[in-house]
Structures are given as structure tokens and as C-alpha cells.
C-alpha atoms as a PDB file:
ATOM      1  CA  MET A   1     -14.237 -18.070 -20.221  1.00  0.00           C
ATOM      2  CA  PRO A   2     -12.791 -15.156 -18.193  1.00  0.00           C
ATOM      3  CA  LEU A   3     -12.751 -15.452 -14.409  1.00  0.00           C
ATOM      4  CA  SER A   4     -14.770 -13.093 -12.250  1.00  0.00           C
ATOM      5  CA  ILE A   5     -12.838 -10.888  -9.811  1.00  0.00           C
ATOM      6  CA  THR A   6     -13.960 -13.064  -6.907  1.00  0.00           C
ATOM      7  CA  GLU A   7     -12.430 -16.134  -8.558  1.00  0.00           C
ATOM      8  CA  LYS A   8      -9.084 -14.489  -9.323  1.00  0.00           C
ATOM      9  CA  ARG A   9      -5.938 -14.734  -7.240  1.00  0.00           C
ATOM     10  CA  ARG A  10      -5.681 -11.501  -5.237  1.00  0.00           C
ATOM     11  CA  VAL A  11      -2.109 -10.201  -5.325  1.00  0.00           C
ATOM     12  CA  ALA A  12      -1.334  -7.140  -3.200  1.00  0.00           C
ATOM     13  CA  LEU A  13       1.645  -5.028  -4.165  1.00  0.00           C
ATOM     14  CA  ALA A  14       3.078  -2.604  -1.595  1.00  0.00           C
ATOM     15  CA  TYR A  15       4.235   0.630  -3.192  1.00  0.00           C
ATOM     16  CA  ASP A  16       6.147   3.459  -1.488  1.00  0.00           C
ATOM     17  CA  GLY A  17       6.748   5.795  -4.427  1.00  0.00           C
ATOM     18  CA  SER A  18      10.479   5.129  -4.736  1.00  0.00           C
ATOM     19  CA  GLU A  19      12.377   4.204  -7.894  1.00  0.00           C
ATOM     20  CA  ASP A  20      12.962   0.774  -6.365  1.00  0.00           C
ATOM     21  CA  ALA A  21       9.185   0.381  -5.962  1.00  0.00           C
ATOM     22  CA  ASP A  22       8.715   1.295  -9.640  1.00  0.00           C
ATOM     23  CA  ARG A  23      11.178  -1.443 -10.596  1.00  0.00           C
ATOM     24  CA  LEU A  24       9.403  -3.865  -8.238  1.00  0.00           C
ATOM     25  CA  PHE A  25       6.086  -3.085  -9.952  1.00  0.00           C
ATOM     26  CA  ASP A  26       7.572  -3.694 -13.420  1.00  0.00           C
ATOM     27  CA  TRP A  27       9.327  -6.883 -12.262  1.00  0.00           C
ATOM     28  CA  SER A  28       6.150  -8.195 -10.621  1.00  0.00           C
ATOM     29  CA  VAL A  29       4.067  -7.568 -13.736  1.00  0.00           C
ATOM     30  CA  LYS A  30       6.659  -9.339 -15.860  1.00  0.00           C
ATOM     31  CA  ASN A  31       7.403 -12.304 -13.556  1.00  0.00           C
ATOM     32  CA  ILE A  32       4.526 -12.863 -11.119  1.00  0.00           C
ATOM     33  CA  VAL A  33       1.269 -11.422 -12.434  1.00  0.00           C
ATOM     34  CA  ARG A  34      -0.904 -13.657 -14.609  1.00  0.00           C
ATOM     35  CA  PRO A  35      -3.277 -11.325 -16.524  1.00  0.00           C
ATOM     36  CA  GLU A  36      -5.915 -13.987 -17.076  1.00  0.00           C
ATOM     37  CA  SER A  37      -6.208 -15.058 -13.451  1.00  0.00           C
ATOM     38  CA  ASP A  38      -4.905 -12.291 -11.142  1.00  0.00           C
ATOM     39  CA  HIS A  39      -6.474  -9.222  -9.572  1.00  0.00           C
ATOM     40  CA  ILE A  40      -3.893  -6.713  -8.320  1.00  0.00           C
ATOM     41  CA  ILE A  41      -4.367  -4.676  -5.158  1.00  0.00           C
ATOM     42  CA  LEU A  42      -2.061  -1.651  -5.169  1.00  0.00           C
ATOM     43  CA  LEU A  43      -1.302  -0.492  -1.620  1.00  0.00           C
ATOM     44  CA  SER A  44       0.531   2.640  -0.582  1.00  0.00           C
ATOM     45  CA  ALA A  45       0.993   3.627   3.060  1.00  0.00           C
ATOM     46  CA  VAL A  46       1.370   7.372   3.523  1.00  0.00           C
ATOM     47  CA  GLN A  47       2.774   8.576   6.820  1.00  0.00           C
ATOM     48  CA  ARG A  48       0.872  11.514   8.254  1.00  0.00           C
ATOM     49  CA  HIS A  49       2.986  14.448   9.346  1.00  0.00           C
ATOM     50  CA  GLU A  50       2.030  17.156  11.819  1.00  0.00           C
ATOM     51  CA  LYS A  51       2.622  19.998   9.351  1.00  0.00           C
ATOM     52  CA  SER A  52       0.737  18.403   6.475  1.00  0.00           C
ATOM     53  CA  SER A  53      -2.735  19.732   7.160  1.00  0.00           C
ATOM     54  CA  PRO A  54      -4.469  21.948   9.693  1.00  0.00           C
ATOM     55  CA  SER A  55      -7.262  19.371   9.969  1.00  0.00           C
ATOM     56  CA  LEU A  56      -4.817  16.991  11.678  1.00  0.00           C
ATOM     57  CA  PHE A  57      -4.921  19.044  14.872  1.00  0.00           C
ATOM     58  CA  ASN A  58      -7.507  19.256  17.618  1.00  0.00           C
ATOM     59  CA  LYS A  59      -8.495  22.872  18.213  1.00  0.00           C
ATOM     60  CA  LYS A  60      -8.299  22.851  22.015  1.00  0.00           C
ATOM     61  CA  ASP A  61      -4.817  21.433  22.584  1.00  0.00           C
ATOM     62  CA  GLU A  62      -3.244  21.672  19.114  1.00  0.00           C
ATOM     63  CA  LYS A  63      -1.824  18.165  19.411  1.00  0.00           C
ATOM     64  CA  PRO A  64      -1.992  15.923  16.349  1.00  0.00           C
ATOM     65  CA  LYS A  65      -4.880  13.509  16.086  1.00  0.00           C
ATOM     66  CA  GLU A  66      -4.156   9.791  15.766  1.00  0.00           C
ATOM     67  CA  ALA A  67      -1.150   9.051  13.616  1.00  0.00           C
ATOM     68  CA  GLU A  68      -3.268   7.057  11.200  1.00  0.00           C
ATOM     69  CA  LEU A  69      -6.829   6.892  10.015  1.00  0.00           C
ATOM     70  CA  PRO A  70      -8.733   3.714  10.689  1.00  0.00           C
ATOM     71  CA  MET A  71      -8.137   1.397   7.773  1.00  0.00           C
ATOM     72  CA  LEU A  72     -11.786   0.459   7.501  1.00  0.00           C
ATOM     73  CA  SER A  73     -14.228   3.340   7.816  1.00  0.00           C
ATOM     74  CA  THR A  74     -17.731   2.450   8.893  1.00  0.00           C
ATOM     75  CA  THR A  75     -19.536   5.660   8.014  1.00  0.00           C
ATOM     76  CA  VAL A  76     -19.905   7.738   4.892  1.00  0.00           C
ATOM     77  CA  THR A  77     -18.751  10.781   6.863  1.00  0.00           C
ATOM     78  CA  LYS A  78     -15.416   9.152   7.735  1.00  0.00           C
ATOM     79  CA  VAL A  79     -14.915   8.108   4.115  1.00  0.00           C
ATOM     80  CA  ASP A  80     -15.681  11.666   2.929  1.00  0.00           C
ATOM     81  CA  GLU A  81     -13.257  13.109   5.489  1.00  0.00           C
ATOM     82  CA  ALA A  82     -10.535  10.684   4.396  1.00  0.00           C
ATOM     83  CA  ILE A  83     -11.049  11.620   0.738  1.00  0.00           C
ATOM     84  CA  LYS A  84     -10.837  15.336   1.588  1.00  0.00           C
ATOM     85  CA  ASP A  85      -7.633  14.721   3.549  1.00  0.00           C
ATOM     86  CA  ILE A  86      -6.139  12.896   0.565  1.00  0.00           C
ATOM     87  CA  GLU A  87      -7.015  15.785  -1.736  1.00  0.00           C
ATOM     88  CA  HIS A  88      -5.299  18.298   0.573  1.00  0.00           C
ATOM     89  CA  HIS A  89      -2.368  16.164   1.758  1.00  0.00           C
ATOM     90  CA  PRO A  90       0.752  16.784  -0.355  1.00  0.00           C
ATOM     91  CA  GLN A  91       1.924  13.160  -0.223  1.00  0.00           C
ATOM     92  CA  GLY A  92      -1.609  11.801  -0.640  1.00  0.00           C
ATOM     93  CA  GLN A  93      -2.195  13.424  -4.005  1.00  0.00           C
ATOM     94  CA  THR A  94       1.143  12.111  -5.241  1.00  0.00           C
ATOM     95  CA  ALA A  95       0.417   8.619  -3.926  1.00  0.00           C
ATOM     96  CA  ARG A  96      -3.039   8.642  -5.506  1.00  0.00           C
ATOM     97  CA  GLN A  97      -1.676   9.754  -8.893  1.00  0.00           C
ATOM     98  CA  ARG A  98       1.071   7.123  -8.833  1.00  0.00           C
ATOM     99  CA  LEU A  99      -1.380   4.355  -7.977  1.00  0.00           C
ATOM    100  CA  GLU A 100      -3.764   5.516 -10.705  1.00  0.00           C
ATOM    101  CA  ASP A 101      -0.884   5.514 -13.216  1.00  0.00           C
ATOM    102  CA  MET A 102       0.056   1.973 -12.183  1.00  0.00           C
ATOM    103  CA  SER A 103      -3.574   0.897 -12.488  1.00  0.00           C
ATOM    104  CA  ALA A 104      -3.703   2.366 -15.997  1.00  0.00           C
ATOM    105  CA  LYS A 105      -0.607   0.330 -16.947  1.00  0.00           C
ATOM    106  CA  LEU A 106      -2.332  -2.801 -15.641  1.00  0.00           C
ATOM    107  CA  ARG A 107      -5.502  -2.046 -17.637  1.00  0.00           C
ATOM    108  CA  GLN A 108      -3.377  -1.824 -20.800  1.00  0.00           C
ATOM    109  CA  ILE A 109      -2.405  -5.476 -20.334  1.00  0.00           C
ATOM    110  CA  ASN A 110      -5.940  -6.488 -19.264  1.00  0.00           C
ATOM    111  CA  VAL A 111      -5.194  -6.937 -15.561  1.00  0.00           C
ATOM    112  CA  SER A 112      -7.911  -5.897 -13.128  1.00  0.00           C
ATOM    113  CA  SER A 113      -6.775  -3.809 -10.177  1.00  0.00           C
ATOM    114  CA  GLU A 114      -7.786  -1.577  -7.303  1.00  0.00           C
ATOM    115  CA  GLU A 115      -5.878   1.113  -5.417  1.00  0.00           C
ATOM    116  CA  HIS A 116      -5.789   1.830  -1.689  1.00  0.00           C
ATOM    117  CA  ILE A 117      -3.975   4.548   0.246  1.00  0.00           C
ATOM    118  CA  LEU A 118      -3.437   3.564   3.862  1.00  0.00           C
ATOM    119  CA  TRP A 119      -2.720   6.414   6.290  1.00  0.00           C
ATOM    120  CA  GLY A 120       0.021   5.609   8.753  1.00  0.00           C
ATOM    121  CA  ASP A 121       2.915   3.255   9.252  1.00  0.00           C
ATOM    122  CA  ALA A 122       3.326   0.585   6.575  1.00  0.00           C
ATOM    123  CA  LYS A 123       4.706  -1.920   9.126  1.00  0.00           C
ATOM    124  CA  THR A 124       1.378  -1.796  10.940  1.00  0.00           C
ATOM    125  CA  LEU A 125      -1.089  -1.222   8.135  1.00  0.00           C
ATOM    126  CA  LEU A 126       0.056  -3.750   5.525  1.00  0.00           C
ATOM    127  CA  PRO A 127      -0.356  -6.721   7.891  1.00  0.00           C
ATOM    128  CA  ARG A 128      -3.632  -5.256   9.146  1.00  0.00           C
ATOM    129  CA  TYR A 129      -4.892  -4.923   5.557  1.00  0.00           C
ATOM    130  CA  THR A 130      -4.027  -8.538   4.715  1.00  0.00           C
ATOM    131  CA  GLU A 131      -5.827  -9.701   7.851  1.00  0.00           C
ATOM    132  CA  ALA A 132      -8.978  -7.734   7.048  1.00  0.00           C
ATOM    133  CA  HIS A 133      -9.160  -8.501   3.308  1.00  0.00           C
ATOM    134  CA  LYS A 134      -8.770 -11.542   1.144  1.00  0.00           C
ATOM    135  CA  VAL A 135      -5.180 -11.410  -0.098  1.00  0.00           C
ATOM    136  CA  ASP A 136      -3.571 -14.491  -1.617  1.00  0.00           C
ATOM    137  CA  LEU A 137      -0.066 -13.012  -1.968  1.00  0.00           C
ATOM    138  CA  LEU A 138       1.631  -9.815  -0.772  1.00  0.00           C
ATOM    139  CA  ILE A 139       4.648  -8.556  -2.712  1.00  0.00           C
ATOM    140  CA  VAL A 140       6.990  -6.138  -0.934  1.00  0.00           C
ATOM    141  CA  GLY A 141      10.434  -4.800  -1.726  1.00  0.00           C
ATOM    142  CA  SER A 142      13.506  -4.956   0.453  1.00  0.00           C
ATOM    143  CA  ARG A 143      16.212  -2.330   0.506  1.00  0.00           C
ATOM    144  CA  GLY A 144      18.709  -4.900   1.724  1.00  0.00           C
ATOM    145  CA  LEU A 145      19.699  -3.045   4.884  1.00  0.00           C
ATOM    146  CA  SER A 146      22.278  -4.596   7.140  1.00  0.00           C
ATOM    147  CA  THR A 147      20.993  -6.311  10.272  1.00  0.00           C
ATOM    148  CA  VAL A 148      22.060  -3.383  12.445  1.00  0.00           C
ATOM    149  CA  LYS A 149      20.362  -0.761  10.267  1.00  0.00           C
ATOM    150  CA  SER A 150      17.251  -2.913   9.989  1.00  0.00           C
ATOM    151  CA  VAL A 151      16.978  -3.168  13.779  1.00  0.00           C
ATOM    152  CA  PHE A 152      17.175   0.592  14.221  1.00  0.00           C
ATOM    153  CA  LEU A 153      15.142   1.648  11.208  1.00  0.00           C
ATOM    154  CA  GLY A 154      12.606  -1.153  11.314  1.00  0.00           C
ATOM    155  CA  SER A 155      11.739  -3.235   8.320  1.00  0.00           C
ATOM    156  CA  VAL A 156       8.405  -3.226   6.549  1.00  0.00           C
ATOM    157  CA  SER A 157       9.218  -6.512   4.825  1.00  0.00           C
ATOM    158  CA  ASP A 158      10.196  -8.128   8.141  1.00  0.00           C
ATOM    159  CA  ALA A 159       6.960  -6.955   9.799  1.00  0.00           C
ATOM    160  CA  CYS A 160       4.951  -8.337   6.878  1.00  0.00           C
ATOM    161  CA  LEU A 161       6.740 -11.693   7.020  1.00  0.00           C
ATOM    162  CA  LYS A 162       6.010 -11.991  10.739  1.00  0.00           C
ATOM    163  CA  ASN A 163       2.452 -10.624  10.837  1.00  0.00           C
ATOM    164  CA  CYS A 164       0.663 -11.210   7.538  1.00  0.00           C
ATOM    165  CA  PRO A 165      -1.605 -14.262   7.338  1.00  0.00           C
ATOM    166  CA  CYS A 166      -0.941 -14.682   3.604  1.00  0.00           C
ATOM    167  CA  PRO A 167       2.252 -15.657   1.795  1.00  0.00           C
ATOM    168  CA  VAL A 168       4.677 -12.719   1.445  1.00  0.00           C
ATOM    169  CA  LEU A 169       7.136 -12.405  -1.408  1.00  0.00           C
ATOM    170  CA  VAL A 170      10.062 -10.150  -0.475  1.00  0.00           C
ATOM    171  CA  VAL A 171      12.023  -9.028  -3.519  1.00  0.00           C
ATOM    172  CA  ARG A 172      15.490  -7.611  -2.952  1.00  0.00           C
ATOM    173  CA  ASN A 173      16.109  -4.521  -5.016  1.00  0.00           C
ATOM    174  CA  ALA A 174      19.500  -5.834  -6.071  1.00  0.00           C
ATOM    175  CA  THR A 175      17.804  -8.684  -7.934  1.00  0.00           C
ATOM    176  CA  ILE A 176      15.450  -6.613 -10.097  1.00  0.00           C
END
């Protein structure tokens, strides 16, 4: 008998739109995902940029609003505003389409999934998402930066390893 979504293992996959992330998705589906017992949560963090949309600015001082939307909206109005921003944000539309395409691939192999676009810095939002939602495993890629570059550029995978309450699988791009 098939498992309900609440009984399935919830595997979150962080996706940044790169070719490496595409390979990570394919590798994860082939090596980690169990169609009969997994539910996949596709996560993409989109950094907001000042020039992306006029709605990002306050009228009186023309400074950008918060760098990220709250991950969990509590009102219908905030949800509607976030959806409108996605529709008009150049990266948001691309991220949405990519996640929908990945979800369609998962449906073809009978894997249930959901897609979420998180507005802001992935290093902050991925751990915050795993804290706020039931996630049994987070899969992230690693570009394999040297220690020096990683210190200066920051590392999403490192932040997830340190701050996520669930197990985190970091997959080096060189291995996939």
C-alpha cells in the first residue's frame, strides 16, 4: 500500500540554477531518492537585488526594503505580494520555471514533490527552512572551493552543516 505524504521521508534538495545543481538533482534522483517512500522538497534561494523591482524600495527614502521576505507569511496579503514579486522578478520567474520542470521530472517517476522559492541569502534561509519544517535530509552541492576562498565567499554547504537540525548531505561537484 502506498505511503501518505506525511509518512514519507522528506528530502529537501537545494537548487541554485547552475549546471552543477542540475547534475546534483540528477545524481540525487538516481542515488538517493526512493520513489516509493520519499517526498522531495525543492528549494531555491533567490537573492533580491536593488534594481530588480521598483516595489523593493520605500517611497520616502528610496532605500531597499529588507533583503529577504519572511520565509513564513502569516497573512494572505503577504502571500499575494510575494507571488506578485515572483512574477515580476527576473530571477524569480526563472527559478520558478526550473523548479516546476524538476517537479515534472519527479512526477514522471512517481515521486511526490513541492517547490519553494526563498527570497534572500541561502546560507540563512536553508537552515531556517529546515528548522521551521519537517525535513529528514537536506542535500546541497559543494563547489569545492579552497579554504581561503570559502572563508571570503562564504559557504552555503558549511552554513547548512553547522546550522541545520537535520542531516545534511554535501555532494562535491567533482564526484557527480
